[in-house]
């Protein structure tokens, strides 16, 4: 389940037609979230797989702080998958809440 959640979080980080981020920014953003334990060694393989699957596209852009950076942006296919994953996550979250609320009332 953790793997699917990380993938969802990576896709959600790139949500929006004009949103693009480079890998290290995604790592920083997600590592700031309590409960998500990951680093570059986790995020970059996910991004690489997403590119192979056509979920993200990459562009290189000059950086004022050093070498060019590879930026990631969701494709239409990636946007569609994110929508499906968010729907599935909402169903799981609602189910867990229903069970935990029922247990606390017992």
Foldseek 3Di string as FASTA:
>chain_A
DLLLVVLLLLLVQQPDQPRKDFQQVSQVVQCVDPPNDDHSVSRVVSQVVCVVVQQWDWDWDQDPVDHTTIIIHGDPVNNVVSVVSVVVVVVVVVVVVVVVVVVVVD
